[in-house]
């Protein structure tokens, strides 16, 4: 495996929202409506994807969706997509990826996942 493959996968796995957060953090150009980015500095969203709790949840969702993209039915390059994000106002942070209800997670291939993020914004629920 090439050394940069993991980095590429982690970037592709990040949602549009989290990419904007990382970009804003790196450039220090936070939009006034965005929250403090301290949570993303050391323990970035990409790092959470390697947590055992997320790995277990991911396997469960893949099994539920018969290890195929729910759109094109491809079994290749599968990713789990969050249909909604939860932002916890009291701690000014998003819920970790494994804390979402199963019905808010779907299996998509890399192509359908990227295409979906280009065409649609994932809604954020503030709790």
N, C-alpha and C. Protein backbone atom coordinates (compact mmCIF):
# COMPACT_ATOMS: atom_id res chain seq x y z
N UNK A 1 0.84 -1.18 0.00
CA UNK A 1 0.00 0.00 0.00
C UNK A 1 0.89 1.25 0.00
N UNK A 2 0.57 2.20 -0.86
CA UNK A 2 1.33 3.44 -0.90
C UNK A 2 1.09 4.22 0.39
N UNK A 3 2.08 4.96 0.86
CA UNK A 3 1.94 5.67 2.12
C UNK A 3 0.83 6.71 2.11
N UNK A 4 0.50 7.29 0.96
CA UNK A 4 -0.51 8.34 0.95
C UNK A 4 -1.93 7.83 0.73
N UNK A 5 -2.11 6.53 0.53
CA UNK A 5 -3.44 5.97 0.30
C UNK A 5 -4.34 6.22 1.50
N UNK A 6 -3.84 5.98 2.72
CA UNK A 6 -4.66 6.19 3.91
C UNK A 6 -5.12 7.65 3.98
N UNK A 7 -4.21 8.57 3.68
CA UNK A 7 -4.56 9.99 3.69
C UNK A 7 -5.63 10.32 2.66
N UNK A 8 -5.52 9.72 1.48
CA UNK A 8 -6.52 9.95 0.44
C UNK A 8 -7.87 9.39 0.87
N UNK A 9 -7.87 8.18 1.46
CA UNK A 9 -9.13 7.59 1.90
C UNK A 9 -9.76 8.44 2.98
N UNK A 10 -8.95 8.89 3.93
CA UNK A 10 -9.49 9.69 5.03
C UNK A 10 -10.11 10.97 4.48
N UNK A 11 -9.47 11.58 3.48
CA UNK A 11 -10.03 12.80 2.91
C UNK A 11 -11.34 12.51 2.18
N UNK A 12 -11.37 11.43 1.42
CA UNK A 12 -12.58 11.09 0.68
C UNK A 12 -13.72 10.73 1.62
N UNK A 13 -13.38 10.17 2.77
CA UNK A 13 -14.41 9.75 3.71
C UNK A 13 -15.02 10.93 4.45
N UNK A 14 -14.33 12.05 4.47
CA UNK A 14 -14.86 13.22 5.17
C UNK A 14 -16.03 13.80 4.40
N UNK A 15 -17.00 14.24 5.13
CA UNK A 15 -18.15 14.86 4.48
C UNK A 15 -17.79 16.27 4.04
N UNK A 16 -18.62 16.81 3.21
CA UNK A 16 -18.46 18.18 2.75
C UNK A 16 -18.42 19.14 3.93
N UNK A 17 -19.28 18.94 4.89
CA UNK A 17 -19.34 19.81 6.06
C UNK A 17 -18.02 19.78 6.81
N UNK A 18 -17.51 18.59 7.07
CA UNK A 18 -16.28 18.46 7.84
C UNK A 18 -15.07 18.96 7.05
N UNK A 19 -15.08 18.82 5.73
CA UNK A 19 -14.00 19.37 4.93
C UNK A 19 -13.98 20.89 5.05
N UNK A 20 -15.18 21.51 5.04
CA UNK A 20 -15.25 22.96 5.20
C UNK A 20 -14.75 23.36 6.57
N UNK A 21 -15.06 22.58 7.59
CA UNK A 21 -14.60 22.88 8.94
C UNK A 21 -13.09 22.80 9.02
N UNK A 22 -12.53 21.74 8.45
CA UNK A 22 -11.06 21.60 8.47
C UNK A 22 -10.42 22.73 7.71
N UNK A 23 -10.97 23.08 6.55
CA UNK A 23 -10.43 24.16 5.75
C UNK A 23 -10.50 25.48 6.51
N UNK A 24 -11.63 25.72 7.14
CA UNK A 24 -11.79 26.96 7.90
C UNK A 24 -10.80 27.01 9.06
N UNK A 25 -10.60 25.89 9.70
CA UNK A 25 -9.66 25.84 10.81
C UNK A 25 -8.24 26.13 10.34
N UNK A 26 -7.88 25.54 9.20
CA UNK A 26 -6.53 25.70 8.70
C UNK A 26 -6.27 27.12 8.21
N UNK A 27 -7.28 27.76 7.66
CA UNK A 27 -7.09 29.11 7.12
C UNK A 27 -7.52 30.19 8.10
N UNK A 28 -8.11 29.80 9.22
CA UNK A 28 -8.59 30.74 10.24
C UNK A 28 -9.62 31.71 9.70
N UNK A 29 -10.39 31.26 8.71
CA UNK A 29 -11.44 32.09 8.14
C UNK A 29 -12.79 31.49 8.46
N UNK A 30 -13.12 31.43 9.75
CA UNK A 30 -14.38 30.84 10.16
C UNK A 30 -15.53 31.76 9.83
N UNK A 31 -16.57 31.20 9.29
CA UNK A 31 -17.79 31.95 9.06
C UNK A 31 -18.40 32.26 10.42
N UNK A 32 -19.00 33.43 10.60
CA UNK A 32 -19.54 33.79 11.91
C UNK A 32 -20.52 32.76 12.49
N UNK A 33 -21.23 32.04 11.63
CA UNK A 33 -22.20 31.08 12.14
C UNK A 33 -21.56 29.73 12.49
N UNK A 34 -20.29 29.56 12.16
CA UNK A 34 -19.61 28.30 12.47
C UNK A 34 -19.14 28.31 13.91
N UNK A 35 -18.91 27.13 14.43
CA UNK A 35 -18.52 27.00 15.83
C UNK A 35 -17.01 26.93 15.99
N UNK A 36 -16.55 27.02 17.23
CA UNK A 36 -15.14 26.91 17.56
C UNK A 36 -14.62 25.55 17.09
N UNK A 37 -13.46 25.54 16.49
CA UNK A 37 -12.94 24.33 15.88
C UNK A 37 -11.96 23.55 16.75
N UNK A 38 -11.88 23.84 18.05
CA UNK A 38 -10.93 23.16 18.93
C UNK A 38 -11.07 21.65 18.86
N UNK A 39 -12.30 21.16 18.71
CA UNK A 39 -12.55 19.72 18.70
C UNK A 39 -11.91 19.03 17.49
N UNK A 40 -11.66 19.79 16.41
CA UNK A 40 -11.16 19.17 15.19
C UNK A 40 -9.65 19.28 15.05
N UNK A 41 -8.99 19.95 15.96
CA UNK A 41 -7.55 20.16 15.83
C UNK A 41 -6.78 18.86 16.00
N UNK A 42 -6.86 18.25 17.17
CA UNK A 42 -6.09 17.03 17.42
C UNK A 42 -6.87 15.80 16.99
N UNK A 43 -8.10 15.67 17.44
CA UNK A 43 -8.91 14.51 17.10
C UNK A 43 -9.86 14.83 15.97
N UNK A 44 -9.35 14.90 14.75
CA UNK A 44 -10.17 15.28 13.60
C UNK A 44 -11.23 14.22 13.31
N UNK A 45 -12.20 14.60 12.51
CA UNK A 45 -13.26 13.68 12.12
C UNK A 45 -12.67 12.44 11.46
N UNK A 46 -11.67 12.64 10.61
CA UNK A 46 -11.03 11.51 9.94
C UNK A 46 -10.47 10.50 10.91
N UNK A 47 -9.92 10.99 12.02
CA UNK A 47 -9.36 10.08 13.03
C UNK A 47 -10.46 9.26 13.68
N UNK A 48 -11.66 9.84 13.82
CA UNK A 48 -12.78 9.11 14.43
C UNK A 48 -13.18 7.90 13.60
N UNK A 49 -12.90 7.93 12.31
CA UNK A 49 -13.27 6.81 11.44
C UNK A 49 -12.44 5.55 11.72
N UNK A 50 -11.38 5.69 12.50
CA UNK A 50 -10.56 4.55 12.87
C UNK A 50 -10.88 4.05 14.27
N UNK A 51 -11.84 4.66 14.93
CA UNK A 51 -12.24 4.26 16.27
C UNK A 51 -12.97 2.90 16.20
N UNK A 52 -12.73 1.99 17.15
CA UNK A 52 -13.40 0.68 17.13
C UNK A 52 -14.93 0.78 17.16
N UNK A 53 -15.46 1.80 17.82
CA UNK A 53 -16.93 1.96 17.86
C UNK A 53 -17.48 2.27 16.48
N UNK A 54 -16.75 3.09 15.69
CA UNK A 54 -17.20 3.38 14.34
C UNK A 54 -17.02 2.16 13.45
N UNK A 55 -15.92 1.46 13.60
CA UNK A 55 -15.68 0.26 12.78
C UNK A 55 -16.79 -0.77 12.99
N UNK A 56 -17.23 -0.95 14.23
CA UNK A 56 -18.30 -1.90 14.53
C UNK A 56 -19.62 -1.42 13.92
N UNK A 57 -19.91 -0.13 14.07
CA UNK A 57 -21.16 0.43 13.52
C UNK A 57 -21.14 0.33 12.00
N UNK A 58 -19.99 0.62 11.40
CA UNK A 58 -19.85 0.57 9.95
C UNK A 58 -20.12 -0.84 9.43
N UNK A 59 -19.55 -1.84 10.08
CA UNK A 59 -19.77 -3.23 9.66
C UNK A 59 -21.24 -3.62 9.77
N UNK A 60 -21.91 -3.13 10.81
CA UNK A 60 -23.32 -3.42 11.00
C UNK A 60 -24.16 -2.82 9.86
N UNK A 61 -23.85 -1.59 9.48
CA UNK A 61 -24.58 -0.93 8.39
C UNK A 61 -24.29 -1.61 7.06
N UNK A 62 -23.04 -1.97 6.82
CA UNK A 62 -22.69 -2.69 5.59
C UNK A 62 -23.47 -4.00 5.49
N UNK A 63 -23.53 -4.73 6.59
CA UNK A 63 -24.27 -6.00 6.61
C UNK A 63 -25.75 -5.77 6.34
N UNK A 64 -26.32 -4.76 6.99
CA UNK A 64 -27.74 -4.45 6.78
C UNK A 64 -28.04 -4.16 5.31
N UNK A 65 -27.11 -3.44 4.65
CA UNK A 65 -27.31 -3.06 3.25
C UNK A 65 -26.71 -4.08 2.28
N UNK A 66 -26.51 -5.29 2.74
CA UNK A 66 -26.00 -6.43 1.96
C UNK A 66 -24.68 -6.14 1.24
N UNK A 67 -23.84 -5.32 1.87
CA UNK A 67 -22.52 -5.00 1.33
C UNK A 67 -22.57 -4.49 -0.10
N UNK A 68 -23.56 -3.65 -0.37
CA UNK A 68 -23.71 -3.05 -1.70
C UNK A 68 -24.18 -1.61 -1.56
N UNK A 69 -23.78 -0.78 -2.50
CA UNK A 69 -24.26 0.59 -2.57
C UNK A 69 -25.77 0.55 -2.76
N UNK A 70 -26.50 1.32 -1.97
CA UNK A 70 -27.96 1.26 -2.08
C UNK A 70 -28.47 1.96 -3.34
N UNK A 71 -27.61 2.70 -4.03
CA UNK A 71 -28.03 3.38 -5.26
C UNK A 71 -27.71 2.54 -6.49
N UNK A 72 -26.43 2.20 -6.67
CA UNK A 72 -26.03 1.51 -7.91
C UNK A 72 -25.78 0.01 -7.72
N UNK A 73 -25.86 -0.46 -6.47
CA UNK A 73 -25.68 -1.87 -6.12
C UNK A 73 -24.25 -2.37 -6.28
N UNK A 74 -23.29 -1.48 -6.45
CA UNK A 74 -21.89 -1.88 -6.56
C UNK A 74 -21.37 -2.36 -5.20
N UNK A 75 -20.56 -3.43 -5.20
CA UNK A 75 -19.95 -3.91 -3.96
C UNK A 75 -18.54 -3.32 -3.74
N UNK A 76 -18.12 -2.41 -4.59
CA UNK A 76 -16.75 -1.87 -4.55
C UNK A 76 -16.68 -0.52 -3.84
N UNK A 77 -15.56 -0.28 -3.13
CA UNK A 77 -15.26 1.01 -2.51
C UNK A 77 -16.42 1.56 -1.68
N UNK A 78 -16.92 0.74 -0.77
CA UNK A 78 -18.09 1.12 0.01
C UNK A 78 -17.75 2.07 1.16
N UNK A 79 -18.63 3.02 1.37
CA UNK A 79 -18.50 4.00 2.45
C UNK A 79 -19.86 4.15 3.12
N UNK A 80 -19.84 4.61 4.35
CA UNK A 80 -21.09 4.85 5.07
C UNK A 80 -21.37 6.35 5.05
N UNK A 81 -22.55 6.70 4.62
CA UNK A 81 -22.96 8.09 4.50
C UNK A 81 -23.93 8.45 5.62
N UNK A 82 -23.70 9.59 6.26
CA UNK A 82 -24.63 10.12 7.25
C UNK A 82 -25.67 10.96 6.51
N UNK A 83 -26.93 10.61 6.65
CA UNK A 83 -27.99 11.35 5.98
C UNK A 83 -28.34 12.63 6.72
N UNK A 84 -27.82 12.77 7.93
CA UNK A 84 -28.07 13.96 8.74
C UNK A 84 -26.92 14.06 9.75
N UNK A 85 -26.53 15.29 10.07
CA UNK A 85 -25.53 15.50 11.11
C UNK A 85 -26.21 16.07 12.34
N UNK A 86 -25.69 15.73 13.50
CA UNK A 86 -26.22 16.24 14.76
C UNK A 86 -25.16 17.10 15.43
N UNK A 87 -25.52 18.34 15.65
CA UNK A 87 -24.62 19.26 16.32
C UNK A 87 -25.16 19.51 17.72
N UNK A 88 -24.36 19.22 18.73
CA UNK A 88 -24.78 19.38 20.12
C UNK A 88 -24.36 20.77 20.57
N UNK A 89 -25.35 21.65 20.72
CA UNK A 89 -25.05 23.04 21.03
C UNK A 89 -24.35 23.21 22.37
N UNK A 90 -24.72 22.41 23.37
CA UNK A 90 -24.15 22.59 24.71
C UNK A 90 -22.65 22.35 24.76
N UNK A 91 -22.14 21.49 23.89
CA UNK A 91 -20.69 21.23 23.87
C UNK A 91 -20.04 21.75 22.59
N UNK A 92 -20.83 22.39 21.75
CA UNK A 92 -20.34 22.98 20.50
C UNK A 92 -19.54 21.98 19.66
N UNK A 93 -20.13 20.83 19.44
CA UNK A 93 -19.45 19.79 18.69
C UNK A 93 -20.47 18.87 18.01
N UNK A 94 -20.04 18.24 16.94
CA UNK A 94 -20.89 17.25 16.28
C UNK A 94 -20.86 15.95 17.08
N UNK A 95 -21.95 15.20 16.97
CA UNK A 95 -21.99 13.87 17.58
C UNK A 95 -20.95 13.00 16.88
N UNK A 96 -20.31 12.09 17.62
CA UNK A 96 -19.37 11.18 16.95
C UNK A 96 -20.12 10.31 15.96
N UNK A 97 -19.46 9.85 14.91
CA UNK A 97 -20.15 9.15 13.83
C UNK A 97 -20.89 7.89 14.26
N UNK A 98 -20.49 7.24 15.33
CA UNK A 98 -21.13 6.00 15.77
C UNK A 98 -22.38 6.25 16.62
N UNK A 99 -22.65 7.48 17.01
CA UNK A 99 -23.80 7.76 17.87
C UNK A 99 -25.10 8.02 17.11
N UNK A 100 -25.09 7.87 15.81
CA UNK A 100 -26.29 8.12 15.01
C UNK A 100 -27.16 6.87 14.93
N UNK A 101 -28.46 7.10 14.83
CA UNK A 101 -29.39 5.99 14.64
C UNK A 101 -29.08 5.30 13.31
N UNK A 102 -29.30 4.01 13.27
CA UNK A 102 -29.03 3.25 12.04
C UNK A 102 -29.78 3.81 10.84
N UNK A 103 -30.99 4.30 11.06
CA UNK A 103 -31.79 4.79 9.92
C UNK A 103 -31.18 6.05 9.28
N UNK A 104 -30.22 6.70 9.96
CA UNK A 104 -29.57 7.88 9.41
C UNK A 104 -28.26 7.55 8.69
N UNK A 105 -27.94 6.25 8.59
CA UNK A 105 -26.71 5.80 7.94
C UNK A 105 -27.04 4.89 6.78
N UNK A 106 -26.38 5.12 5.65
CA UNK A 106 -26.61 4.28 4.47
C UNK A 106 -25.27 3.93 3.83
N UNK A 107 -25.25 2.84 3.09
CA UNK A 107 -24.06 2.39 2.39
C UNK A 107 -24.08 2.94 0.97
N UNK A 108 -22.97 3.60 0.60
CA UNK A 108 -22.80 4.12 -0.75
C UNK A 108 -21.41 3.75 -1.25
N UNK A 109 -21.29 3.57 -2.55
CA UNK A 109 -19.96 3.40 -3.12
C UNK A 109 -19.30 4.79 -3.15
N UNK A 110 -18.01 4.80 -3.33
CA UNK A 110 -17.27 6.07 -3.32
C UNK A 110 -17.82 7.04 -4.37
N UNK A 111 -18.13 6.55 -5.56
CA UNK A 111 -18.64 7.40 -6.63
C UNK A 111 -19.98 8.03 -6.27
N UNK A 112 -20.93 7.21 -5.81
CA UNK A 112 -22.26 7.73 -5.45
C UNK A 112 -22.17 8.67 -4.25
N UNK A 113 -21.27 8.38 -3.32
CA UNK A 113 -21.09 9.23 -2.13
C UNK A 113 -20.59 10.61 -2.54
N UNK A 114 -19.56 10.64 -3.38
CA UNK A 114 -19.03 11.93 -3.83
C UNK A 114 -20.05 12.70 -4.66
N UNK A 115 -20.72 11.98 -5.55
CA UNK A 115 -21.73 12.62 -6.40
C UNK A 115 -22.84 13.22 -5.54
N UNK A 116 -23.27 12.49 -4.53
CA UNK A 116 -24.32 12.98 -3.64
C UNK A 116 -23.91 14.24 -2.89
N UNK A 117 -22.67 14.26 -2.40
CA UNK A 117 -22.20 15.44 -1.67
C UNK A 117 -22.03 16.65 -2.58
N UNK A 118 -21.76 16.41 -3.85
CA UNK A 118 -21.66 17.52 -4.80
C UNK A 118 -23.04 18.10 -5.11
N UNK A 119 -24.07 17.24 -5.12
CA UNK A 119 -25.40 17.69 -5.52
C UNK A 119 -26.27 18.16 -4.36
N UNK A 120 -26.05 17.63 -3.16
CA UNK A 120 -26.94 17.92 -2.04
C UNK A 120 -26.14 18.28 -0.78
N UNK A 121 -26.74 19.13 0.03
CA UNK A 121 -26.18 19.42 1.34
C UNK A 121 -26.80 18.48 2.36
N UNK A 122 -25.98 17.93 3.23
CA UNK A 122 -26.48 17.08 4.29
C UNK A 122 -27.02 18.00 5.39
N UNK A 123 -28.30 17.82 5.77
CA UNK A 123 -28.86 18.71 6.80
C UNK A 123 -28.21 18.49 8.17
N UNK A 124 -28.14 19.56 8.93
CA UNK A 124 -27.61 19.48 10.30
C UNK A 124 -28.74 19.77 11.26
N UNK A 125 -28.90 18.88 12.23
CA UNK A 125 -29.91 19.05 13.27
C UNK A 125 -29.17 19.55 14.52
N UNK A 126 -29.63 20.65 15.07
CA UNK A 126 -29.01 21.23 16.26
C UNK A 126 -29.77 20.75 17.49
N UNK A 127 -29.05 20.08 18.39
CA UNK A 127 -29.70 19.52 19.57
C UNK A 127 -29.03 20.01 20.85
